[in-house]
PDB file of N, CA and C in Angstrom:
ATOM      1  N   UNK A   1      16.223 149.247  21.499  1.00  0.00           N
ATOM      2  CA  UNK A   1      17.088 148.294  21.707  1.00  0.00           C
ATOM      3  C   UNK A   1      17.692 148.564  23.014  1.00  0.00           C
ATOM      4  N   UNK A   2      17.579 147.413  23.702  1.00  0.00           N
ATOM      5  CA  UNK A   2      18.296 147.535  25.145  1.00  0.00           C
ATOM      6  C   UNK A   2      19.937 147.336  24.892  1.00  0.00           C
ATOM      7  N   UNK A   3      20.422 147.184  26.050  1.00  0.00           N
ATOM      8  CA  UNK A   3      21.941 146.983  26.202  1.00  0.00           C
ATOM      9  C   UNK A   3      22.127 145.711  25.565  1.00  0.00           C
ATOM     10  N   UNK A   4      23.214 145.565  25.019  1.00  0.00           N
ATOM     11  CA  UNK A   4      23.775 144.613  24.258  1.00  0.00           C
ATOM     12  C   UNK A   4      25.199 144.107  24.594  1.00  0.00           C
ATOM     13  N   UNK A   5      25.406 143.259  25.831  1.00  0.00           N
ATOM     14  CA  UNK A   5      26.702 143.238  26.299  1.00  0.00           C
ATOM     15  C   UNK A   5      27.726 142.409  25.337  1.00  0.00           C
ATOM     16  N   UNK A   6      27.143 141.732  24.455  1.00  0.00           N
ATOM     17  CA  UNK A   6      28.032 140.979  23.557  1.00  0.00           C
ATOM     18  C   UNK A   6      28.698 141.977  22.499  1.00  0.00           C
ATOM     19  N   UNK A   7      28.057 143.165  22.076  1.00  0.00           N
ATOM     20  CA  UNK A   7      28.811 143.790  21.058  1.00  0.00           C
ATOM     21  C   UNK A   7      30.231 144.318  21.367  1.00  0.00           C
ATOM     22  N   UNK A   8      30.576 144.607  22.590  1.00  0.00           N
ATOM     23  CA  UNK A   8      32.008 144.977  22.764  1.00  0.00           C
ATOM     24  C   UNK A   8      32.767 143.657  22.513  1.00  0.00           C
ATOM     25  N   UNK A   9      32.280 142.511  22.975  1.00  0.00           N
ATOM     26  CA  UNK A   9      33.073 141.313  23.113  1.00  0.00           C
ATOM     27  C   UNK A   9      33.395 140.965  21.688  1.00  0.00           C
ATOM     28  N   UNK A  10      32.335 141.013  20.740  1.00  0.00           N
ATOM     29  CA  UNK A  10      32.381 140.914  19.261  1.00  0.00           C
ATOM     30  C   UNK A  10      33.432 141.755  18.620  1.00  0.00           C
ATOM     31  N   UNK A  11      33.295 143.032  18.991  1.00  0.00           N
ATOM     32  CA  UNK A  11      34.195 144.094  18.354  1.00  0.00           C
ATOM     33  C   UNK A  11      35.819 143.692  18.851  1.00  0.00           C
ATOM     34  N   UNK A  12      35.961 143.224  20.087  1.00  0.00           N
ATOM     35  CA  UNK A  12      37.249 142.899  20.462  1.00  0.00           C
ATOM     36  C   UNK A  12      37.860 141.710  19.623  1.00  0.00           C
ATOM     37  N   UNK A  13      36.860 140.753  19.501  1.00  0.00           N
ATOM     38  CA  UNK A  13      37.328 139.460  18.729  1.00  0.00           C
ATOM     39  C   UNK A  13      37.759 139.816  17.275  1.00  0.00           C
ATOM     40  N   UNK A  14      36.879 140.621  16.812  1.00  0.00           N
ATOM     41  CA  UNK A  14      36.982 141.192  15.369  1.00  0.00           C
ATOM     42  C   UNK A  14      38.361 141.821  15.359  1.00  0.00           C
ATOM     43  N   UNK A  15      38.518 142.755  16.338  1.00  0.00           N
ATOM     44  CA  UNK A  15      39.863 143.283  16.020  1.00  0.00           C
ATOM     45  C   UNK A  15      41.093 142.323  16.265  1.00  0.00           C
ATOM     46  N   UNK A  16      40.929 141.384  17.286  1.00  0.00           N
ATOM     47  CA  UNK A  16      42.010 140.281  17.169  1.00  0.00           C
ATOM     48  C   UNK A  16      42.131 139.460  16.116  1.00  0.00           C
ATOM     49  N   UNK A  17      40.915 138.988  15.498  1.00  0.00           N
ATOM     50  CA  UNK A  17      41.067 138.251  14.189  1.00  0.00           C
ATOM     51  C   UNK A  17      41.898 139.152  12.811  1.00  0.00           C
ATOM     52  N   UNK A  18      41.401 140.208  12.932  1.00  0.00           N
ATOM     53  CA  UNK A  18      42.009 141.094  11.969  1.00  0.00           C
ATOM     54  C   UNK A  18      43.407 141.204  12.058  1.00  0.00           C
ATOM     55  N   UNK A  19      43.895 141.296  13.336  1.00  0.00           N
ATOM     56  CA  UNK A  19      45.218 141.426  13.585  1.00  0.00           C
ATOM     57  C   UNK A  19      46.058 140.185  13.126  1.00  0.00           C
ATOM     58  N   UNK A  20      45.342 139.169  13.352  1.00  0.00           N
ATOM     59  CA  UNK A  20      46.085 137.698  12.951  1.00  0.00           C
ATOM     60  C   UNK A  20      45.826 137.625  11.424  1.00  0.00           C
ATOM     61  N   UNK A  21      45.299 138.201  10.713  1.00  0.00           N
ATOM     62  CA  UNK A  21      45.294 138.358   9.144  1.00  0.00           C
ATOM     63  C   UNK A  21      43.894 137.872   8.549  1.00  0.00           C
ATOM     64  N   UNK A  22      42.943 137.676   9.367  1.00  0.00           N
ATOM     65  CA  UNK A  22      41.703 137.086   8.757  1.00  0.00           C
ATOM     66  C   UNK A  22      41.045 138.347   7.716  1.00  0.00           C
ATOM     67  N   UNK A  23      40.541 137.573   6.861  1.00  0.00           N
ATOM     68  CA  UNK A  23      40.084 138.937   5.726  1.00  0.00           C
ATOM     69  C   UNK A  23      38.631 139.557   6.483  1.00  0.00           C
ATOM     70  N   UNK A  24      38.580 140.825   5.907  1.00  0.00           N
ATOM     71  CA  UNK A  24      37.198 141.496   6.358  1.00  0.00           C
ATOM     72  C   UNK A  24      36.010 140.747   6.123  1.00  0.00           C
ATOM     73  N   UNK A  25      35.807 140.310   5.456  1.00  0.00           N
ATOM     74  CA  UNK A  25      34.664 139.531   4.876  1.00  0.00           C
ATOM     75  C   UNK A  25      34.383 138.124   5.912  1.00  0.00           C
ATOM     76  N   UNK A  26      35.593 137.536   5.994  1.00  0.00           N
ATOM     77  CA  UNK A  26      35.557 136.396   7.139  1.00  0.00           C
ATOM     78  C   UNK A  26      34.843 136.870   8.482  1.00  0.00           C
ATOM     79  N   UNK A  27      35.461 137.901   8.908  1.00  0.00           N
ATOM     80  CA  UNK A  27      35.320 138.496  10.117  1.00  0.00           C
ATOM     81  C   UNK A  27      33.786 138.869  10.326  1.00  0.00           C
ATOM     82  N   UNK A  28      33.511 139.600   9.084  1.00  0.00           N
ATOM     83  CA  UNK A  28      32.055 140.172   8.999  1.00  0.00           C
ATOM     84  C   UNK A  28      31.159 138.963   8.983  1.00  0.00           C
ATOM     85  N   UNK A  29      31.333 137.828   8.351  1.00  0.00           N
ATOM     86  CA  UNK A  29      30.420 136.792   8.345  1.00  0.00           C
ATOM     87  C   UNK A  29      30.404 136.171   9.754  1.00  0.00           C
ATOM     88  N   UNK A  30      31.413 135.815  10.235  1.00  0.00           N
ATOM     89  CA  UNK A  30      31.593 135.205  11.488  1.00  0.00           C
ATOM     90  C   UNK A  30      30.730 135.868  12.593  1.00  0.00           C
ATOM     91  N   UNK A  31      31.061 137.296  12.807  1.00  0.00           N
ATOM     92  CA  UNK A  31      30.500 137.903  13.638  1.00  0.00           C
ATOM     93  C   UNK A  31      28.737 138.274  13.623  1.00  0.00           C
ATOM     94  N   UNK A  32      28.448 138.049  12.130  1.00  0.00           N
ATOM     95  CA  UNK A  32      27.097 138.191  11.817  1.00  0.00           C
ATOM     96  C   UNK A  32      26.327 136.823  12.528  1.00  0.00           C
ATOM     97  N   UNK A  33      27.232 135.780  12.229  1.00  0.00           N
ATOM     98  CA  UNK A  33      26.504 134.562  12.692  1.00  0.00           C
ATOM     99  C   UNK A  33      26.499 134.678  14.149  1.00  0.00           C
ATOM    100  N   UNK A  34      27.505 134.759  14.708  1.00  0.00           N
ATOM    101  CA  UNK A  34      27.733 134.862  16.453  1.00  0.00           C
ATOM    102  C   UNK A  34      26.324 135.761  16.889  1.00  0.00           C
ATOM    103  N   UNK A  35      25.982 136.953  16.016  1.00  0.00           N
ATOM    104  CA  UNK A  35      24.955 137.947  16.620  1.00  0.00           C
ATOM    105  C   UNK A  35      23.678 137.262  16.236  1.00  0.00           C
ATOM    106  N   UNK A  36      23.434 136.518  15.170  1.00  0.00           N
ATOM    107  CA  UNK A  36      22.211 135.520  14.996  1.00  0.00           C
ATOM    108  C   UNK A  36      22.048 134.753  16.200  1.00  0.00           C
ATOM    109  N   UNK A  37      23.075 134.032  16.601  1.00  0.00           N
ATOM    110  CA  UNK A  37      22.939 133.231  17.580  1.00  0.00           C
ATOM    111  C   UNK A  37      22.461 133.800  19.088  1.00  0.00           C
ATOM    112  N   UNK A  38      23.053 134.851  18.943  1.00  0.00           N
ATOM    113  CA  UNK A  38      22.891 135.582  20.347  1.00  0.00           C
ATOM    114  C   UNK A  38      21.379 136.338  20.419  1.00  0.00           C
ATOM    115  N   UNK A  39      21.062 136.812  19.358  1.00  0.00           N
ATOM    116  CA  UNK A  39      19.719 137.162  19.211  1.00  0.00           C
ATOM    117  C   UNK A  39      18.642 136.063  19.397  1.00  0.00           C
ATOM    118  N   UNK A  40      18.932 134.876  18.948  1.00  0.00           N
ATOM    119  CA  UNK A  40      17.883 133.688  18.906  1.00  0.00           C
ATOM    120  C   UNK A  40      17.696 133.457  20.459  1.00  0.00           C
ATOM    121  N   UNK A  41      18.674 133.253  21.097  1.00  0.00           N
ATOM    122  CA  UNK A  41      18.583 132.801  22.533  1.00  0.00           C
ATOM    123  C   UNK A  41      18.239 134.255  23.443  1.00  0.00           C
ATOM    124  N   UNK A  42      18.813 135.487  23.067  1.00  0.00           N
ATOM    125  CA  UNK A  42      18.199 136.532  23.892  1.00  0.00           C
ATOM    126  C   UNK A  42      19.057 136.531  25.004  1.00  0.00           C
ATOM    127  N   UNK A  43      20.447 136.211  24.943  1.00  0.00           N
ATOM    128  CA  UNK A  43      21.380 136.316  26.241  1.00  0.00           C
ATOM    129  C   UNK A  43      22.743 136.312  25.718  1.00  0.00           C
ATOM    130  N   UNK A  44      23.563 136.694  26.618  1.00  0.00           N
ATOM    131  CA  UNK A  44      24.946 136.688  25.991  1.00  0.00           C
ATOM    132  C   UNK A  44      25.831 135.455  25.849  1.00  0.00           C
ATOM    133  N   UNK A  45      26.456 135.586  24.698  1.00  0.00           N
ATOM    134  CA  UNK A  45      26.932 134.053  24.134  1.00  0.00           C
ATOM    135  C   UNK A  45      27.658 133.298  25.338  1.00  0.00           C
ATOM    136  N   UNK A  46      28.439 133.976  26.265  1.00  0.00           N
ATOM    137  CA  UNK A  46      29.098 133.451  27.242  1.00  0.00           C
ATOM    138  C   UNK A  46      28.404 132.517  28.253  1.00  0.00           C
ATOM    139  N   UNK A  47      26.822 132.889  28.204  1.00  0.00           N
ATOM    140  CA  UNK A  47      26.126 132.122  29.142  1.00  0.00           C
ATOM    141  C   UNK A  47      25.615 130.862  28.618  1.00  0.00           C
ATOM    142  N   UNK A  48      25.751 130.701  27.165  1.00  0.00           N
ATOM    143  CA  UNK A  48      25.315 129.345  26.511  1.00  0.00           C
ATOM    144  C   UNK A  48      26.182 128.278  26.608  1.00  0.00           C
ATOM    145  N   UNK A  49      25.543 127.076  27.158  1.00  0.00           N
ATOM    146  CA  UNK A  49      26.261 125.757  27.238  1.00  0.00           C
ATOM    147  C   UNK A  49      26.280 125.179  26.053  1.00  0.00           C
ATOM    148  N   UNK A  50      27.085 124.342  25.648  1.00  0.00           N
ATOM    149  CA  UNK A  50      27.139 123.506  24.452  1.00  0.00           C
ATOM    150  C   UNK A  50      25.818 122.932  23.906  1.00  0.00           C
ATOM    151  N   UNK A  51      24.970 122.640  24.751  1.00  0.00           N
ATOM    152  CA  UNK A  51      23.686 122.045  24.612  1.00  0.00           C
ATOM    153  C   UNK A  51      22.695 123.119  23.789  1.00  0.00           C
ATOM    154  N   UNK A  52      22.908 124.323  24.099  1.00  0.00           N
ATOM    155  CA  UNK A  52      22.364 125.466  23.346  1.00  0.00           C
ATOM    156  C   UNK A  52      22.632 125.469  21.890  1.00  0.00           C
ATOM    157  N   UNK A  53      23.861 125.216  21.599  1.00  0.00           N
ATOM    158  CA  UNK A  53      24.324 125.163  20.352  1.00  0.00           C
ATOM    159  C   UNK A  53      23.835 123.986  19.491  1.00  0.00           C
ATOM    160  N   UNK A  54      23.592 123.071  20.001  1.00  0.00           N
ATOM    161  CA  UNK A  54      22.979 121.721  19.486  1.00  0.00           C
ATOM    162  C   UNK A  54      21.397 122.149  19.293  1.00  0.00           C
ATOM    163  N   UNK A  55      20.717 122.887  20.271  1.00  0.00           N
ATOM    164  CA  UNK A  55      19.445 123.127  20.079  1.00  0.00           C
ATOM    165  C   UNK A  55      19.416 124.571  18.814  1.00  0.00           C
ATOM    166  N   UNK A  56      20.139 125.118  18.913  1.00  0.00           N
ATOM    167  CA  UNK A  56      20.014 126.193  17.665  1.00  0.00           C
ATOM    168  C   UNK A  56      20.264 125.478  16.219  1.00  0.00           C
ATOM    169  N   UNK A  57      21.298 124.749  16.078  1.00  0.00           N
ATOM    170  CA  UNK A  57      21.558 123.952  14.874  1.00  0.00           C
ATOM    171  C   UNK A  57      20.310 123.024  14.591  1.00  0.00           C
ATOM    172  N   UNK A  58      19.808 122.415  15.675  1.00  0.00           N
ATOM    173  CA  UNK A  58      18.925 121.345  15.432  1.00  0.00           C
ATOM    174  C   UNK A  58      17.443 121.991  15.167  1.00  0.00           C
ATOM    175  N   UNK A  59      17.250 123.124  15.722  1.00  0.00           N
ATOM    176  CA  UNK A  59      15.919 123.916  15.349  1.00  0.00           C
ATOM    177  C   UNK A  59      16.048 124.887  14.415  1.00  0.00           C
ATOM    178  N   UNK A  60      16.924 125.859  14.326  1.00  0.00           N
ATOM    179  CA  UNK A  60      16.843 127.069  13.448  1.00  0.00           C
ATOM    180  C   UNK A  60      17.419 126.552  12.199  1.00  0.00           C
ATOM    181  N   UNK A  61      18.593 125.730  12.148  1.00  0.00           N
ATOM    182  CA  UNK A  61      19.162 125.421  10.859  1.00  0.00           C
ATOM    183  C   UNK A  61      18.885 123.955  10.225  1.00  0.00           C
ATOM    184  N   UNK A  62      17.915 123.540  10.758  1.00  0.00           N
ATOM    185  CA  UNK A  62      17.469 122.048  10.393  1.00  0.00           C
ATOM    186  C   UNK A  62      17.071 122.144   8.983  1.00  0.00           C
ATOM    187  N   UNK A  63      16.540 123.235   8.392  1.00  0.00           N
ATOM    188  CA  UNK A  63      16.121 123.278   6.818  1.00  0.00           C
ATOM    189  C   UNK A  63      16.932 124.066   5.887  1.00  0.00           C
ATOM    190  N   UNK A  64      17.897 124.562   6.599  1.00  0.00           N
ATOM    191  CA  UNK A  64      18.773 125.478   6.035  1.00  0.00           C
ATOM    192  C   UNK A  64      19.718 124.648   4.857  1.00  0.00           C
ATOM    193  N   UNK A  65      20.141 125.022   3.907  1.00  0.00           N
ATOM    194  CA  UNK A  65      20.934 124.458   2.776  1.00  0.00           C
ATOM    195  C   UNK A  65      22.206 123.938   3.761  1.00  0.00           C
ATOM    196  N   UNK A  66      22.886 122.945   3.160  1.00  0.00           N
ATOM    197  CA  UNK A  66      24.008 122.435   3.807  1.00  0.00           C
ATOM    198  C   UNK A  66      25.283 123.423   3.953  1.00  0.00           C
ATOM    199  N   UNK A  67      25.292 124.278   2.751  1.00  0.00           N
ATOM    200  CA  UNK A  67      26.402 125.170   2.768  1.00  0.00           C
ATOM    201  C   UNK A  67      26.193 126.324   4.031  1.00  0.00           C
ATOM    202  N   UNK A  68      24.866 126.653   4.073  1.00  0.00           N
ATOM    203  CA  UNK A  68      24.591 127.556   5.390  1.00  0.00           C
ATOM    204  C   UNK A  68      24.905 126.866   6.576  1.00  0.00           C
ATOM    205  N   UNK A  69      24.459 125.641   6.830  1.00  0.00           N
ATOM    206  CA  UNK A  69      24.692 124.998   8.127  1.00  0.00           C
ATOM    207  C   UNK A  69      26.260 124.910   8.210  1.00  0.00           C
ATOM    208  N   UNK A  70      26.948 124.580   7.530  1.00  0.00           N
ATOM    209  CA  UNK A  70      28.430 124.463   7.443  1.00  0.00           C
ATOM    210  C   UNK A  70      29.174 125.908   7.770  1.00  0.00           C
ATOM    211  N   UNK A  71      28.584 126.888   7.128  1.00  0.00           N
ATOM    212  CA  UNK A  71      29.200 128.420   7.277  1.00  0.00           C
ATOM    213  C   UNK A  71      29.113 128.752   8.733  1.00  0.00           C
ATOM    214  N   UNK A  72      27.641 128.371   9.416  1.00  0.00           N
ATOM    215  CA  UNK A  72      27.227 129.054  10.616  1.00  0.00           C
ATOM    216  C   UNK A  72      28.249 128.130  11.648  1.00  0.00           C
ATOM    217  N   UNK A  73      28.542 126.888  11.256  1.00  0.00           N
ATOM    218  CA  UNK A  73      29.086 126.082  12.320  1.00  0.00           C
ATOM    219  C   UNK A  73      30.604 126.343  12.513  1.00  0.00           C
ATOM    220  N   UNK A  74      31.040 127.207  11.584  1.00  0.00           N
ATOM    221  CA  UNK A  74      32.637 127.394  11.673  1.00  0.00           C
ATOM    222  C   UNK A  74      32.916 128.094  13.178  1.00  0.00           C
TER     223      UNK A  74
END
C-alpha cells in the first residue's frame, strides 16, 4: 500500500473528537466511513468538492439500507 496522507489527518480528528467526549465506537465508525470514501475516490478527502459526495452517495450507497445511508451521511 502506498502513502496515505489522510491517515494522520483522521487520527488528529479522532483525538480531538475523543477530547470532546465522543464515544470510541462513534469515532471508530466515523473514521471508518471517511476512510471508505477516501478509498473509493483514491485521493485525499480535502481534495473532494461537494459534488463528489453527491456522486458517492448516488452511486455507492444507492442500494444500501436507509440506516446505512443515514449513518454514512453523518
